[in-house]
Protein backbone atom coordinates (compact mmCIF):
# COMPACT_ATOMS: atom_id res chain seq x y z
CA MET A 1 -35.83 -4.98 -158.50
CA LEU A 2 -32.97 -7.38 -157.86
CA ASN A 3 -31.51 -6.49 -161.26
CA LEU A 4 -31.51 -2.80 -160.31
CA ALA A 5 -29.93 -3.51 -156.91
CA LEU A 6 -27.15 -5.53 -158.56
CA ALA A 7 -26.54 -2.82 -161.16
CA ALA A 8 -26.41 -0.08 -158.52
CA ALA A 9 -24.09 -2.12 -156.29
CA THR A 10 -21.77 -2.80 -159.24
CA PHE A 11 -21.58 0.88 -160.18
CA VAL A 12 -20.88 1.99 -156.62
CA LEU A 13 -18.40 -0.74 -155.74
CA ILE A 14 -16.19 -0.42 -158.84
CA HIS A 15 -15.69 3.21 -157.85
CA LEU A 16 -15.21 2.78 -154.11
CA LEU A 17 -13.28 -0.51 -154.15
CA VAL A 18 -11.21 0.04 -157.30
CA SER A 19 -10.97 3.64 -158.50
CA GLY A 20 -9.48 5.28 -155.41
CA THR A 21 -7.76 2.32 -153.80
CA ARG A 22 -4.46 0.49 -154.05
CA VAL A 23 -6.24 -2.01 -156.31
CA ARG A 24 -6.14 0.77 -158.89
CA ASP A 25 -2.42 1.28 -158.27
CA GLY A 26 -1.77 -2.41 -158.86
CA LEU A 27 -3.84 -2.47 -162.06
CA VAL A 28 -2.09 0.63 -163.39
CA ALA A 29 1.30 -0.96 -162.65
CA ARG A 30 0.30 -4.07 -164.60
CA LEU A 31 -1.68 -2.51 -167.46
CA GLY A 32 -0.40 1.04 -167.75
CA GLU A 33 -2.35 4.26 -167.09
CA GLY A 34 -3.96 4.50 -170.53
CA PRO A 35 -5.29 0.92 -170.80
CA TYR A 36 -6.51 1.03 -167.20
CA MET A 37 -8.41 4.28 -167.78
CA GLY A 38 -9.97 2.87 -170.94
CA LEU A 39 -11.11 -0.33 -169.25
CA PHE A 40 -12.38 1.47 -166.16
CA SER A 41 -14.32 3.99 -168.26
CA LEU A 42 -15.84 1.16 -170.26
CA ALA A 43 -16.84 -0.69 -167.09
CA SER A 44 -18.33 2.49 -165.60
CA VAL A 45 -20.39 3.27 -168.69
CA ALA A 46 -21.58 -0.32 -168.93
CA ALA A 47 -22.66 -0.32 -165.25
CA LEU A 48 -24.38 3.05 -165.68
CA VAL A 49 -26.32 1.85 -168.75
CA TRP A 50 -27.24 -1.35 -166.90
CA MET A 51 -28.47 0.69 -163.94
CA ALA A 52 -30.56 3.04 -166.10
CA SER A 53 -32.10 0.13 -167.99
CA ALA A 54 -32.84 -1.77 -164.79
CA TYR A 55 -34.42 1.34 -163.26
CA GLY A 56 -36.80 1.66 -166.21
CA GLY A 57 -37.84 -1.96 -165.82
CA ALA A 58 -38.20 -1.80 -162.04
CA ARG A 59 -40.61 1.14 -162.06
CA ALA A 60 -43.34 -0.99 -163.63
CA ASP A 61 -43.70 -3.06 -160.43
CA ASN A 62 -42.80 -0.73 -157.63
CA LEU A 63 -43.72 0.24 -154.07
CA ALA A 64 -44.07 3.94 -153.30
CA TRP A 65 -44.15 5.65 -149.89
CA TRP A 66 -44.36 9.31 -151.00
CA GLY A 67 -44.67 11.31 -154.19
CA PRO A 68 -44.11 14.76 -155.67
CA GLU A 69 -46.12 16.90 -153.27
CA PRO A 70 -46.13 20.64 -154.18
CA ALA A 71 -43.91 21.69 -151.26
CA LEU A 72 -41.41 18.93 -151.97
CA ARG A 73 -41.42 19.74 -155.68
CA HIS A 74 -40.55 23.38 -155.03
CA ALA A 75 -37.72 22.36 -152.70
CA ALA A 76 -36.48 19.95 -155.36
CA TYR A 77 -36.34 22.78 -157.94
CA LEU A 78 -34.03 24.76 -155.65
CA LEU A 79 -31.84 21.75 -154.95
CA GLN A 80 -31.54 20.97 -158.66
CA LEU A 81 -30.50 24.57 -159.33
CA LEU A 82 -27.74 24.31 -156.73
CA ALA A 83 -26.76 20.90 -158.11
CA VAL A 84 -26.44 22.16 -161.69
CA LEU A 85 -24.45 25.20 -160.53
CA LEU A 86 -21.94 22.94 -158.78
CA VAL A 87 -21.77 20.31 -161.52
CA VAL A 88 -21.32 22.73 -164.43
CA THR A 89 -18.94 25.16 -162.76
CA GLY A 90 -17.01 22.19 -161.38
CA LEU A 91 -16.60 20.62 -164.80
CA LEU A 92 -15.52 23.95 -166.31
CA THR A 93 -12.96 24.79 -163.59
CA PRO A 94 -9.43 23.33 -163.80
CA SER A 95 -8.90 21.19 -160.72
CA PRO A 96 -6.15 18.88 -159.44
CA THR A 97 -8.88 16.43 -158.41
CA SER A 98 -9.63 15.79 -162.10
CA VAL A 99 -7.88 13.39 -164.46
CA LYS A 100 -4.76 14.79 -166.15
CA GLN A 101 -5.04 18.16 -164.36
CA GLU A 102 -2.33 17.68 -161.76
CA GLY A 103 -0.48 20.70 -163.19
CA VAL A 104 -3.02 23.01 -161.55
CA LEU A 105 -1.13 22.47 -158.30
CA ASP A 106 1.87 24.30 -159.78
CA ARG A 107 -0.14 27.51 -160.16
CA PRO A 108 0.25 30.26 -157.55
CA ASP A 109 -3.38 29.87 -156.44
CA PRO A 110 -4.75 26.42 -157.43
CA ALA A 111 -7.96 26.85 -155.42
CA ARG A 112 -9.86 29.31 -157.59
CA GLY A 113 -13.51 29.86 -158.40
CA VAL A 114 -15.85 27.14 -157.22
CA LEU A 115 -12.90 25.26 -155.66
CA ARG A 116 -12.94 27.86 -152.90
CA ILE A 117 -16.40 26.52 -152.01
CA THR A 118 -15.47 22.82 -152.24
CA ARG A 119 -12.62 20.96 -153.89
CA HIS A 120 -15.16 18.39 -155.17
CA PRO A 121 -17.94 20.51 -156.73
CA PHE A 122 -18.98 17.91 -159.31
CA LEU A 123 -19.55 15.14 -156.77
CA TRP A 124 -21.38 17.43 -154.36
CA GLY A 125 -23.54 18.58 -157.25
CA VAL A 126 -24.44 14.98 -158.04
CA ALA A 127 -25.15 14.34 -154.35
CA ILE A 128 -27.55 17.29 -154.18
CA TRP A 129 -29.12 16.25 -157.50
CA ALA A 130 -29.76 12.76 -156.13
CA ALA A 131 -31.13 14.12 -152.84
CA GLY A 132 -33.49 16.41 -154.76
CA HIS A 133 -34.83 13.48 -156.74
CA LEU A 134 -35.35 11.47 -153.57
CA LEU A 135 -37.55 14.26 -152.21
CA VAL A 136 -40.11 13.73 -154.95
CA ASN A 137 -39.59 10.05 -155.74
CA GLY A 138 -40.41 7.89 -152.76
CA ASP A 139 -40.65 4.59 -154.62
CA LEU A 140 -38.33 1.65 -154.03
CA ALA A 141 -36.65 1.80 -157.44
CA SER A 142 -35.82 5.49 -156.97
CA LEU A 143 -34.53 4.88 -153.46
CA ILE A 144 -32.11 2.29 -154.85
CA LEU A 145 -31.02 4.37 -157.87
CA PHE A 146 -30.74 7.83 -156.36
CA GLY A 147 -29.74 6.52 -152.94
CA SER A 148 -26.76 4.66 -154.42
CA LEU A 149 -25.69 7.72 -156.42
CA LEU A 150 -26.03 9.89 -153.30
CA ALA A 151 -23.91 7.48 -151.26
CA LEU A 152 -21.23 7.27 -153.95
CA SER A 153 -21.09 11.05 -154.33
CA VAL A 154 -20.72 11.62 -150.58
CA LEU A 155 -18.09 8.89 -150.12
CA GLY A 156 -16.28 9.54 -153.40
CA PRO A 157 -14.31 12.64 -152.30
CA TRP A 158 -12.44 10.65 -149.63
CA SER A 159 -11.50 8.05 -152.24
CA ILE A 160 -10.29 10.71 -154.68
CA ASP A 161 -8.31 12.55 -152.00
CA ALA A 162 -6.59 9.34 -150.91
CA LYS A 163 -5.69 8.50 -154.50
CA ARG A 164 -4.33 12.00 -155.14
CA VAL A 165 -2.28 12.01 -151.93
CA ARG A 166 -0.62 8.74 -152.96
CA ALA A 167 0.12 10.09 -156.43
CA LEU A 168 1.01 13.73 -155.70
CA GLY A 169 2.16 13.75 -152.08
CA PRO A 170 2.81 17.01 -150.21
CA LYS A 171 1.56 19.26 -153.01
CA TYR A 172 -1.90 17.76 -152.83
CA ARG A 173 -1.86 17.73 -149.01
CA THR A 174 -1.24 21.48 -149.12
CA PHE A 175 -4.17 21.88 -151.52
CA MET A 176 -6.36 19.90 -149.11
CA GLU A 177 -5.30 22.12 -146.22
CA GLN A 178 -6.26 25.23 -148.21
CA THR A 179 -9.69 23.92 -149.24
CA SER A 180 -12.55 21.86 -147.87
CA ASN A 181 -14.50 18.84 -148.98
CA VAL A 182 -17.78 19.95 -147.37
CA PRO A 183 -19.18 22.95 -149.29
CA PHE A 184 -18.34 26.34 -147.75
CA GLY A 185 -16.25 24.68 -145.03
CA ALA A 186 -13.03 26.50 -145.99
CA ILE A 187 -14.89 29.81 -146.29
CA LEU A 188 -16.53 29.47 -142.88
CA THR A 189 -13.18 28.66 -141.25
CA GLY A 190 -11.45 31.59 -142.94
CA LYS A 191 -9.16 29.55 -145.20
CA GLN A 192 -10.86 30.90 -148.32
CA ARG A 193 -13.01 33.81 -149.40
CA LEU A 194 -15.95 33.54 -151.80
CA ARG A 195 -15.01 35.27 -155.05
CA VAL A 196 -17.95 35.05 -157.44
CA GLY A 197 -16.00 36.96 -160.10
CA GLU A 198 -13.62 34.02 -160.48
CA ILE A 199 -16.55 31.76 -161.36
CA GLY A 200 -17.75 34.36 -163.84
CA TRP A 201 -19.16 33.11 -167.15
CA ARG A 202 -19.46 29.57 -165.80
CA LEU A 203 -22.45 30.70 -163.74
CA ALA A 204 -24.25 31.86 -166.87
CA VAL A 205 -23.56 28.54 -168.58
CA ALA A 206 -24.86 26.68 -165.53
CA LEU A 207 -28.06 28.74 -165.35
CA LEU A 208 -28.71 28.19 -169.06
CA ASP A 209 -28.16 24.45 -168.64
CA TYR A 210 -30.56 24.41 -165.70
CA LEU A 211 -33.32 26.09 -167.69
CA LEU A 212 -32.80 23.85 -170.70
CA LEU A 213 -32.80 20.70 -168.59
CA LEU A 214 -35.81 21.80 -166.54
CA LEU A 215 -37.95 22.86 -169.48
CA PHE A 216 -36.85 20.58 -172.30
CA GLY A 217 -34.25 18.02 -171.25
CA HIS A 218 -36.09 16.24 -168.45
CA PRO A 219 -38.99 14.92 -170.58
CA TRP A 220 -36.51 13.69 -173.18
CA ILE A 221 -34.11 12.07 -170.69
CA ALA A 222 -36.52 10.76 -168.05
CA GLY A 223 -39.76 10.52 -170.01
CA VAL A 224 -41.65 12.78 -167.60
CA PRO A 225 -41.83 16.58 -167.35
CA ALA A 226 -40.02 18.25 -164.46
CA VAL A 227 -42.46 21.18 -164.44
CA GLY A 228 -46.17 20.72 -164.21
């Protein structure tokens, strides 16, 4: 279990203490943008693989406080649907929060599609995905794994916003004022309107991904069926 805790802490801390901070700025100044991105990606993948491997080992000797009760399982299905919708549409929507997509800010309306709901759809999707897994996995190993991913996904948007403000200045501040981090915040305050048509075909892709992951992908990835 200690191995899993160390892996999870490493994955979270390299993102929160390096990726969005002035440490990153200093490393980029010394190494250059390309080499830094390569090294950071390598470190992230290595930490993620370490965490997945440690999770598999930790589940053999594990305390559990709750399990996949029917009511919790059904709630988890709905949360995973929402999570996949946000993750997939977020990945398929050009956004100034993403790497090498700063040019979106030069468009007349940079906050389009799912960005009207939240400017960080991918991270909120991961947060909801992790929360859904915690509903049906009440063992210590799952609390460490999914709890760390949930914490990183909730805290990550502030780190990304701070990094983008330093790099892009007033243009990104304007984008922040027009959108919201918390899902539906900008819509509820009248800054944005929900326009499902702008999301369009991305919704169909997300629904297909959800069905494929639910029916076929989960047993292959996690070793246990999601349905049943």
